[in-house]
Amino acid sequence: MLRAWQETCISKALSNYRLGKKHFLAQATPGAGKTLMAAHLAKQLLKRSKIDFVVCISPSKITSSNIQNTFEKVLSCPVDGSFGSLGQSITYQSLTHLNENFWAKLAKYKVLCVFDEIHHCGGDNEHNSNSWGYQLLYNVQQVSTYTLALTGTPWRSDNTPIALVSYSNPKGKIICDYQYTLYQAVKDRVCRSPKITLVDCKQSTLNVEGKKEVYPSIHRLIKDGEVSYSAILENKKAIHHLLQQAIEKLENIRNINPSAGGLIVASSVNHARLLAKILEVEFKQTTSIVTYQDNFAQNRIDKFKKSNTQWIVSVGMISEGADIPRLQVCCHLTNIKTELYFRQVLGRILRTTKDKNQEAWLYTFAEPNLIKFSEEIENDIPDSCMHLKDTTEILIPHSNNKTTLSSNVITNGKTTSSQSEFLWQNETKINSTAKLIESYHQDLVLSQFKQRVIEAFRYS
């Protein structure tokens, strides 16, 4: 049975298509059920003979597999691209490997192309598009009878426009054909209401060359003490305190929901192993580790999803598209501090279940960016992500399936150069300059911990 928002969205999409509009953009908060909605929309179009075939494109193999499973259940037919199937689920990465013959064959049919997490595809012309965005602009659009773009976080961290998306002038606000906000989802009990715990410390002592400096918060430590956030993430006392808080919360929830689980997003593979060891040895918790280096990561995730294991520790594997409803507690312990990634991680614990307890808790440190993201959680599209910045980007081919974007960003009349590397699938690259030597870590003492809880939509 579909949720009310899904039925409304499908009805509006069908209406748009009937009016001759080829493209439809749906923005729905992470965890609301976008894939199921898309599958039922495809079913309606197939039933009305408006399409012959469905192509679903997503950012990772894990997400692609989940989408395939959902579509096959709804359509009662294979969606694996084989003879007699009704469609295929592929990744954005694979678009770059499809030849002209594939597109020519696809153009002979009436096709619905579903773009999951469309924000991965950047650019609105050949000069500012990344490789995925380029493929959408020049190939997929040409062969599609209809297109459906889905996103829960409709913005990009590199400030380029999203492919196939329209923006208002002059403010640059994204124009959605349908929007389902987190507020609506919480009100409809489609998503859990998130509570974010920001762990801070009243006293941070830094010893540099025999000189001691004391800071009243992590914010001041990072800003005035020029300490990398990595030093916080690798500080055993701080990690121990945060994990203890999260473990106690999960235990309380499991007293009511015995199958409830927790997610820890780590900054590196070694960091994940360290966190798992602390959980198992010091706190006697059951754990599973999944990383982008693990060829059997999908099998481990599927096993955890159906098990009673308390924690799963992830590096680049469980963010957007991962559907594990039993997750109710999350520890955000990664160096990636973008609002997009923060929202995607938070979304992993927002899916509701039939269990009595529907709490959702995220634990992280009171780092300046993370404080800001937490305070803006009630705003589905933050003000900082509303406006397109004036950028000029040059695509530079790079080996090993990577694309490097060299950007000249104009800010307050000054031009600064920046360079960011996009990595395929869920690979996470940690900037080496963010790592501090071990002796430096030993000179940092964090104590007198405190915490601040931000509860979204408390007024509702």
Protein backbone atom coordinates (compact mmCIF):
# COMPACT_ATOMS: atom_id res chain seq x y z
CA MET A 1 0.00 0.00 0.00
CA LEU A 2 1.37 3.36 -1.01
CA ARG A 3 1.68 6.33 1.31
CA ALA A 4 -0.41 9.41 0.59
CA TRP A 5 2.57 11.46 -0.58
CA GLN A 6 3.61 8.70 -3.01
CA GLU A 7 0.14 8.53 -4.56
CA THR A 8 0.01 12.31 -4.89
CA CYS A 9 3.46 12.44 -6.48
CA ILE A 10 2.60 9.70 -8.98
CA SER A 11 -0.63 11.45 -9.91
CA LYS A 12 1.17 14.73 -10.49
CA ALA A 13 3.92 13.08 -12.55
CA LEU A 14 1.37 11.34 -14.79
CA SER A 15 -0.47 14.62 -15.22
CA ASN A 16 2.75 16.39 -16.23
CA TYR A 17 3.58 13.68 -18.75
CA ARG A 18 0.09 13.90 -20.24
CA LEU A 19 0.57 17.62 -20.72
CA GLY A 20 3.64 16.95 -22.82
CA LYS A 21 6.27 17.60 -20.16
CA LYS A 22 9.07 15.11 -20.56
CA HIS A 23 10.90 15.61 -17.26
CA PHE A 24 9.72 15.40 -13.62
CA LEU A 25 11.80 16.25 -10.54
CA ALA A 26 10.70 14.91 -7.14
CA GLN A 27 12.45 16.00 -3.97
CA ALA A 28 11.55 13.88 -0.96
CA THR A 29 13.37 13.74 2.34
CA PRO A 30 15.80 10.80 2.79
CA GLY A 31 13.96 7.73 4.05
CA ALA A 32 10.53 8.72 2.70
CA GLY A 33 10.32 5.95 0.07
CA LYS A 34 11.31 7.53 -3.25
CA THR A 35 12.27 4.23 -4.91
CA LEU A 36 8.92 2.59 -4.19
CA MET A 37 7.13 5.62 -5.59
CA ALA A 38 9.24 5.47 -8.76
CA ALA A 39 8.51 1.76 -9.21
CA HIS A 40 4.75 2.30 -8.99
CA LEU A 41 4.95 5.23 -11.40
CA ALA A 42 6.74 2.96 -13.86
CA LYS A 43 4.04 0.33 -13.35
CA GLN A 44 1.35 2.87 -14.23
CA LEU A 45 3.17 3.97 -17.37
CA LEU A 46 3.70 0.35 -18.48
CA LYS A 47 0.04 -0.47 -17.83
CA ARG A 48 -1.01 2.46 -20.03
CA SER A 49 1.47 1.45 -22.77
CA LYS A 50 3.26 4.78 -22.41
CA ILE A 51 6.62 3.05 -22.04
CA ASP A 52 8.21 -0.26 -23.01
CA PHE A 53 11.28 -0.23 -20.82
CA VAL A 54 12.67 1.32 -17.62
CA VAL A 55 16.29 2.31 -17.02
CA CYS A 56 17.19 3.15 -13.42
CA ILE A 57 20.49 4.93 -12.78
CA SER A 58 21.97 5.40 -9.30
CA PRO A 59 25.30 6.34 -7.68
CA SER A 60 26.45 2.94 -6.34
CA LYS A 61 26.20 -0.79 -6.90
CA ILE A 62 24.51 -1.29 -3.54
CA THR A 63 21.85 1.30 -4.33
CA SER A 64 21.46 -0.11 -7.84
CA SER A 65 20.85 -3.58 -6.41
CA ASN A 66 18.25 -2.26 -3.94
CA ILE A 67 16.45 -0.40 -6.72
CA GLN A 68 16.40 -3.52 -8.90
CA ASN A 69 14.88 -5.57 -6.07
CA THR A 70 12.16 -2.97 -5.43
CA PHE A 71 11.23 -2.63 -9.11
CA GLU A 72 11.11 -6.40 -9.61
CA LYS A 73 8.72 -6.79 -6.66
CA VAL A 74 6.41 -4.04 -7.90
CA LEU A 75 6.50 -5.00 -11.60
CA SER A 76 6.51 -8.77 -10.96
CA CYS A 77 9.10 -9.11 -13.68
CA PRO A 78 12.91 -9.17 -13.96
CA VAL A 79 14.64 -5.79 -14.17
CA ASP A 80 18.10 -7.11 -14.96
CA GLY A 81 18.45 -6.13 -18.62
CA SER A 82 18.06 -9.72 -19.82
CA PHE A 83 15.83 -10.86 -22.68
CA GLY A 84 12.19 -10.46 -21.65
CA SER A 85 12.88 -8.13 -18.73
CA LEU A 86 11.14 -4.79 -18.35
CA GLY A 87 14.20 -2.78 -17.49
CA GLN A 88 17.66 -2.49 -16.05
CA SER A 89 19.29 -0.91 -13.00
CA ILE A 90 22.79 0.50 -13.54
CA THR A 91 25.18 2.99 -11.92
CA TYR A 92 26.12 6.45 -13.14
CA GLN A 93 29.68 5.20 -13.47
CA SER A 94 28.62 2.62 -16.04
CA LEU A 95 27.18 5.35 -18.31
CA THR A 96 30.69 6.27 -19.38
CA HIS A 97 31.27 2.73 -20.68
CA LEU A 98 28.15 2.46 -22.87
CA ASN A 99 28.79 2.82 -26.59
CA GLU A 100 26.73 4.45 -29.35
CA ASN A 101 25.20 1.09 -30.28
CA PHE A 102 23.56 0.84 -26.84
CA TRP A 103 21.97 4.28 -27.15
CA ALA A 104 20.85 3.57 -30.74
CA LYS A 105 19.06 0.38 -29.65
CA LEU A 106 17.45 2.07 -26.65
CA ALA A 107 16.13 4.88 -28.86
CA LYS A 108 13.90 2.39 -30.68
CA TYR A 109 11.75 1.94 -27.57
CA LYS A 110 9.61 4.11 -25.32
CA VAL A 111 11.81 4.47 -22.26
CA LEU A 112 11.41 5.88 -18.75
CA CYS A 113 14.78 6.85 -17.26
CA VAL A 114 14.86 7.15 -13.49
CA PHE A 115 17.76 9.14 -12.04
CA ASP A 116 18.21 8.33 -8.37
CA GLU A 117 20.04 10.98 -6.31
CA ILE A 118 20.30 13.27 -9.34
CA HIS A 119 22.56 15.66 -7.39
CA HIS A 120 25.47 13.36 -8.23
CA CYS A 121 25.26 14.65 -11.79
CA GLY A 122 26.64 18.17 -12.04
CA GLY A 123 26.39 20.75 -14.80
CA ASP A 124 23.94 22.27 -17.24
CA ASN A 125 26.24 22.50 -20.28
CA GLU A 126 29.28 20.78 -21.76
CA HIS A 127 31.68 23.19 -20.07
CA ASN A 128 30.64 22.72 -16.44
CA SER A 129 29.35 19.13 -16.47
CA ASN A 130 31.13 16.31 -14.69
CA SER A 131 31.32 13.04 -16.64
CA TRP A 132 27.99 11.76 -15.26
CA GLY A 133 26.22 15.04 -15.94
CA TYR A 134 27.60 15.08 -19.48
CA GLN A 135 26.19 11.62 -20.19
CA LEU A 136 22.75 12.72 -18.97
CA LEU A 137 22.76 15.88 -21.06
CA TYR A 138 23.95 14.33 -24.31
CA ASN A 139 22.78 10.72 -24.34
CA VAL A 140 20.09 9.80 -21.83
CA GLN A 141 17.86 12.75 -22.64
CA GLN A 142 17.98 11.92 -26.35
CA VAL A 143 16.63 8.38 -25.95
CA SER A 144 14.16 8.92 -23.09
CA THR A 145 10.45 9.21 -23.63
CA TYR A 146 10.10 10.36 -20.03
CA THR A 147 12.60 11.11 -17.28
CA LEU A 148 12.14 11.05 -13.51
CA ALA A 149 14.77 12.62 -11.25
CA LEU A 150 14.82 11.84 -7.52
CA THR A 151 16.73 13.50 -4.71
CA GLY A 152 16.53 13.98 -0.99
CA THR A 153 19.29 16.61 -0.88
CA PRO A 154 18.99 18.77 -4.01
CA TRP A 155 22.31 20.57 -3.99
CA ARG A 156 25.97 19.86 -4.72
CA SER A 157 28.99 20.54 -2.53
CA ASP A 158 31.00 21.90 -5.48
CA ASN A 159 28.40 24.64 -6.16
CA THR A 160 27.71 23.56 -9.76
CA PRO A 161 24.08 23.29 -10.91
CA ILE A 162 22.51 19.82 -10.90
CA ALA A 163 21.98 18.24 -14.32
CA LEU A 164 18.37 18.33 -15.64
CA VAL A 165 17.33 20.77 -12.90
CA SER A 166 15.86 24.25 -13.31
CA TYR A 167 16.60 27.18 -11.01
CA SER A 168 14.68 30.38 -10.42
CA ASN A 169 16.16 33.74 -11.32
CA PRO A 170 17.75 35.70 -9.83
CA LYS A 171 17.92 33.83 -6.50
CA GLY A 172 18.90 30.46 -7.91
CA LYS A 173 16.32 28.48 -5.93
CA ILE A 174 15.77 24.95 -7.19
CA ILE A 175 12.40 24.35 -8.87
CA CYS A 176 10.85 20.99 -7.94
CA ASP A 177 7.78 19.48 -9.60
CA TYR A 178 6.96 17.83 -6.28
CA GLN A 179 8.42 18.26 -2.80
CA TYR A 180 7.92 16.19 0.33
CA THR A 181 9.73 17.72 3.28
CA LEU A 182 11.09 16.16 6.45
CA TYR A 183 8.52 18.16 8.41
CA GLN A 184 5.71 16.58 6.38
CA ALA A 185 7.28 13.13 6.70
CA VAL A 186 7.58 13.40 10.48
CA LYS A 187 4.03 14.74 10.75
CA ASP A 188 2.74 11.83 8.61
CA ARG A 189 4.86 9.37 10.64
CA VAL A 190 6.66 8.36 7.47
CA CYS A 191 10.00 9.36 9.02
CA ARG A 192 11.25 9.51 12.59
CA SER A 193 11.87 12.87 14.20
CA PRO A 194 15.66 13.22 14.58
CA LYS A 195 17.47 14.17 17.76
CA ILE A 196 21.06 15.30 17.30
CA THR A 197 23.50 15.18 20.20
CA LEU A 198 26.52 17.48 19.87
CA VAL A 199 29.30 16.34 22.21
CA ASP A 200 31.56 19.14 23.42
CA CYS A 201 34.09 19.65 26.24
CA LYS A 202 34.48 22.51 28.66
CA GLN A 203 38.23 22.12 28.87
CA SER A 204 40.59 21.30 26.00
CA THR A 205 44.27 21.53 26.90
CA LEU A 206 46.82 21.82 24.13
CA ASN A 207 50.54 21.57 24.92
CA VAL A 208 52.73 22.99 22.16
CA GLU A 209 56.48 23.22 22.78
CA GLY A 210 55.98 23.37 26.53
CA LYS A 211 53.30 26.03 26.39
CA LYS A 212 49.82 25.05 27.54
CA GLU A 213 46.69 26.61 26.09
CA VAL A 214 43.20 25.90 27.44
CA TYR A 215 40.08 26.24 25.29
CA PRO A 216 36.45 26.23 26.53
CA SER A 217 35.00 24.28 23.59
CA ILE A 218 35.85 22.17 20.57
CA HIS A 219 34.82 25.11 18.40
CA ARG A 220 37.46 27.38 19.98
CA LEU A 221 40.03 24.55 19.96
CA ILE A 222 39.68 24.11 16.21
CA LYS A 223 39.42 27.81 15.36
CA ASP A 224 41.91 29.40 17.78
CA GLY A 225 44.13 26.41 18.50
CA GLU A 226 44.29 25.50 14.80
CA VAL A 227 43.75 21.85 15.67
CA SER A 228 42.52 19.51 12.95
CA TYR A 229 39.16 17.81 13.43
CA SER A 230 41.06 14.55 12.87
CA ALA A 231 42.70 15.05 16.25
CA ILE A 232 39.25 15.00 17.86
CA LEU A 233 38.15 11.93 15.92
CA GLU A 234 41.29 10.07 16.99
CA ASN A 235 41.28 11.19 20.62
CA LYS A 236 40.53 8.02 22.56
CA LYS A 237 38.98 9.76 25.57
CA ALA A 238 36.61 11.79 23.39
CA ILE A 239 35.66 8.78 21.26
CA HIS A 240 35.14 6.64 24.35
CA HIS A 241 32.77 9.24 25.84
CA LEU A 242 30.73 9.66 22.65
CA LEU A 243 30.46 5.92 22.05
CA GLN A 244 29.36 5.35 25.64
CA GLN A 245 26.52 7.85 25.23
CA ALA A 246 25.41 6.23 21.95
CA ILE A 247 25.64 2.70 23.38
CA GLU A 248 23.50 3.61 26.38
CA LYS A 249 20.91 5.15 24.08
CA LEU A 250 20.84 2.06 21.84
CA GLU A 251 20.47 -0.21 24.88
CA ASN A 252 17.50 1.83 26.06
CA ILE A 253 15.85 1.54 22.66
CA ARG A 254 16.61 -2.20 22.43
CA ASN A 255 14.77 -2.73 25.71
CA ILE A 256 11.65 -1.95 23.67
CA ASN A 257 12.83 -2.81 20.13
CA PRO A 258 15.19 -5.80 20.56
CA SER A 259 16.33 -5.67 16.92
CA ALA A 260 17.29 -1.97 16.89
CA GLY A 261 20.78 -1.31 15.57
CA GLY A 262 23.39 1.40 15.43
CA LEU A 263 25.53 2.84 12.63
CA ILE A 264 28.99 4.35 12.99
CA VAL A 265 30.38 6.30 10.03
CA ALA A 266 34.18 6.27 10.35
CA SER A 267 36.81 8.43 8.65
CA SER A 268 39.05 5.65 7.29
CA VAL A 269 39.42 1.89 7.25
CA ASN A 270 41.94 1.96 10.12
CA HIS A 271 39.65 4.28 12.06
CA ALA A 272 36.76 1.85 11.53
CA ARG A 273 38.82 -1.05 12.84
CA LEU A 274 39.82 0.97 15.90
CA LEU A 275 36.20 1.92 16.64
CA ALA A 276 35.03 -1.68 16.20
CA LYS A 277 37.75 -2.87 18.57
CA ILE A 278 36.69 -0.35 21.23
CA LEU A 279 33.07 -1.45 20.85
CA GLU A 280 33.89 -5.14 21.13
CA VAL A 281 36.65 -5.12 23.75
CA GLU A 282 35.73 -2.21 26.04
CA PHE A 283 31.95 -2.18 25.67
CA LYS A 284 31.28 -5.86 24.82
CA GLN A 285 29.16 -4.91 21.79
CA THR A 286 28.56 -7.05 18.70
CA THR A 287 29.79 -5.37 15.50
CA SER A 288 30.18 -5.71 11.76
CA ILE A 289 32.53 -3.67 9.53
CA VAL A 290 31.86 -2.68 5.91
CA THR A 291 34.25 -0.59 3.80
CA TYR A 292 34.71 0.34 0.16
CA GLN A 293 37.71 -2.02 0.11
CA ASP A 294 35.54 -5.03 0.98
CA ASN A 295 34.39 -7.06 -2.03
CA PHE A 296 31.71 -8.67 0.13
CA ALA A 297 30.39 -5.44 1.66
CA GLN A 298 26.91 -5.90 0.17
CA ASN A 299 26.65 -9.40 1.65
CA ARG A 300 27.72 -8.08 5.06
CA ILE A 301 25.14 -5.27 4.89
CA ASP A 302 22.38 -7.72 3.92
CA LYS A 303 23.39 -10.01 6.77
CA PHE A 304 23.41 -7.14 9.28
CA LYS A 305 20.04 -5.95 8.02
CA LYS A 306 18.44 -9.27 9.00
CA SER A 307 20.52 -9.96 12.11
CA ASN A 308 20.45 -8.83 15.73
CA THR A 309 24.00 -7.43 15.68
CA GLN A 310 24.18 -4.19 17.62
CA TRP A 311 26.51 -2.05 15.49
CA ILE A 312 27.70 -1.73 11.92
CA VAL A 313 30.82 0.40 11.30
CA SER A 314 31.03 1.83 7.81
CA VAL A 315 33.52 3.65 5.60
CA GLY A 316 31.93 4.94 2.41
CA MET A 317 29.26 2.22 2.22
CA ILE A 318 26.16 3.27 4.18
CA SER A 319 24.97 6.78 3.37
CA GLU A 320 22.43 7.44 0.64
CA GLY A 321 20.34 4.61 -0.74
CA ALA A 322 21.12 2.12 2.02
CA ASP A 323 17.85 0.78 3.42
CA ILE A 324 18.30 -0.64 6.95
CA PRO A 325 15.17 0.42 8.87
CA ARG A 326 16.30 -1.13 12.16
CA LEU A 327 19.03 1.51 12.47
CA GLN A 328 17.99 4.03 15.14
CA VAL A 329 21.28 5.38 16.50
CA CYS A 330 24.13 6.83 14.46
CA CYS A 331 27.61 8.15 15.29
CA HIS A 332 28.87 10.62 12.68
CA LEU A 333 32.66 10.25 13.10
CA THR A 334 33.97 11.08 9.65
CA ASN A 335 36.22 13.81 8.28
CA ILE A 336 33.64 14.52 5.58
CA LYS A 337 31.88 17.63 6.85
CA THR A 338 29.57 18.70 4.02
CA GLU A 339 25.90 19.39 4.62
CA LEU A 340 24.90 17.00 1.85
CA TYR A 341 26.77 14.07 3.40
CA PHE A 342 25.58 14.95 6.90
CA ARG A 343 21.94 14.85 5.74
CA GLN A 344 22.42 11.59 3.87
CA VAL A 345 23.96 9.91 6.92
CA LEU A 346 21.18 11.21 9.17
CA GLY A 347 18.65 9.79 6.73
CA ARG A 348 19.84 6.24 7.49
CA ILE A 349 18.10 6.32 10.90
CA LEU A 350 14.88 8.07 9.88
CA ARG A 351 12.99 5.20 8.22
CA THR A 352 10.03 4.15 10.35
CA THR A 353 9.15 0.57 11.26
CA LYS A 354 6.24 -1.14 12.98
CA ASP A 355 8.15 -1.23 16.26
CA LYS A 356 6.81 0.67 19.25
CA ASN A 357 9.86 2.85 19.80
CA GLN A 358 10.57 5.22 16.88
CA GLU A 359 13.41 7.31 18.30
CA ALA A 360 16.27 8.41 16.04
CA TRP A 361 19.49 9.69 17.60
CA LEU A 362 22.62 10.99 15.88
CA TYR A 363 25.80 11.63 17.89
CA THR A 364 28.69 13.77 16.71
CA PHE A 365 31.16 16.34 18.01
CA ALA A 366 30.39 20.05 18.28
CA GLU A 367 32.57 20.97 15.30
CA PRO A 368 31.60 24.39 13.82
CA ASN A 369 30.22 23.04 10.52
CA LEU A 370 28.36 20.20 12.19
CA ILE A 371 26.78 22.61 14.66
CA LYS A 372 25.51 24.70 11.75
CA PHE A 373 24.16 21.67 9.87
CA SER A 374 22.37 20.43 13.00
CA GLU A 375 20.75 23.79 13.63
CA GLU A 376 19.46 23.90 10.04
CA ILE A 377 18.00 20.40 10.01
CA GLU A 378 14.39 21.64 9.90
CA ASN A 379 15.11 23.41 6.61
CA ASP A 380 15.00 20.84 3.80
CA ILE A 381 17.00 23.05 1.44
CA PRO A 382 19.32 25.21 3.57
CA ASP A 383 19.72 28.85 2.59
CA SER A 384 23.40 28.26 1.90
CA CYS A 385 22.42 25.75 -0.79
CA MET A 386 19.71 27.85 -2.44
CA HIS A 387 21.89 30.03 -4.58
CA LEU A 388 24.16 29.05 -7.43
CA LYS A 389 27.59 30.60 -7.13
CA ASP A 390 29.33 32.01 -10.17
CA THR A 391 31.82 29.32 -11.13
CA THR A 392 33.82 28.37 -14.16
CA GLU A 393 34.99 24.79 -14.34
CA ILE A 394 37.26 22.95 -16.71
CA LEU A 395 37.01 19.19 -17.03
CA ILE A 396 40.40 17.51 -16.91
CA PRO A 397 40.59 13.78 -17.74
CA HIS A 398 42.23 11.77 -15.00
CA SER A 399 43.34 8.17 -14.85
CA ASN A 400 41.94 5.38 -12.66
CA ASN A 401 38.29 6.21 -13.33
CA LYS A 402 38.49 9.61 -11.67
CA THR A 403 37.61 13.11 -12.83
CA THR A 404 39.38 16.15 -11.45
CA LEU A 405 37.57 19.46 -11.47
CA SER A 406 39.68 22.59 -11.48
CA SER A 407 37.48 25.46 -10.34
CA ASN A 408 37.86 29.20 -10.30
CA VAL A 409 35.38 30.44 -7.73
CA ILE A 410 34.51 34.12 -7.66
CA THR A 411 33.78 35.31 -4.13
CA ASN A 412 33.43 38.97 -3.15
CA GLY A 413 35.22 40.07 -6.25
CA LYS A 414 38.24 37.84 -5.63
CA THR A 415 39.10 34.75 -7.65
CA THR A 416 40.41 31.71 -5.85
CA SER A 417 41.37 28.37 -7.29
CA SER A 418 40.26 25.11 -5.79
CA GLN A 419 40.57 21.52 -6.86
CA SER A 420 38.43 18.61 -5.76
CA GLU A 421 38.59 15.00 -6.79
CA PHE A 422 35.49 12.92 -7.46
CA LEU A 423 35.91 9.23 -6.74
CA TRP A 424 33.76 6.50 -8.22
CA GLN A 425 31.23 4.59 -6.14
CA ASN A 426 31.64 5.01 -2.39
CA GLU A 427 35.38 5.53 -2.17
CA THR A 428 36.29 8.08 0.48
CA LYS A 429 39.50 10.04 0.19
CA ILE A 430 40.92 11.49 3.39
CA ASN A 431 43.09 14.55 2.91
CA SER A 432 46.56 13.68 4.16
CA THR A 433 47.09 17.19 5.51
CA ALA A 434 44.24 16.61 7.98
CA LYS A 435 46.21 13.89 9.75
CA LEU A 436 48.33 14.87 12.70
CA ILE A 437 51.37 12.99 13.95
CA GLU A 438 50.92 10.77 17.00
CA SER A 439 53.00 12.98 19.29
CA TYR A 440 50.70 15.91 18.54
CA HIS A 441 47.69 13.82 19.55
CA GLN A 442 49.39 13.04 22.85
CA ASP A 443 49.68 16.76 23.59
CA LEU A 444 45.91 17.26 23.33
CA VAL A 445 43.82 16.50 26.42
CA LEU A 446 40.01 16.72 26.24
CA SER A 447 38.03 16.69 29.47
CA GLN A 448 34.83 17.83 31.21
CA PHE A 449 32.53 16.66 28.44
CA LYS A 450 29.09 18.12 27.96
CA GLN A 451 26.41 17.71 25.33
CA ARG A 452 23.69 19.67 23.61
CA VAL A 453 20.62 17.98 22.13
CA ILE A 454 18.85 19.47 19.12
CA GLU A 455 15.38 18.02 18.69
CA ALA A 456 13.79 18.73 15.31
CA PHE A 457 10.12 19.66 15.03
CA ARG A 458 9.58 19.64 18.75
CA TYR A 459 6.81 22.18 18.31
CA SER A 460 4.81 19.76 16.17
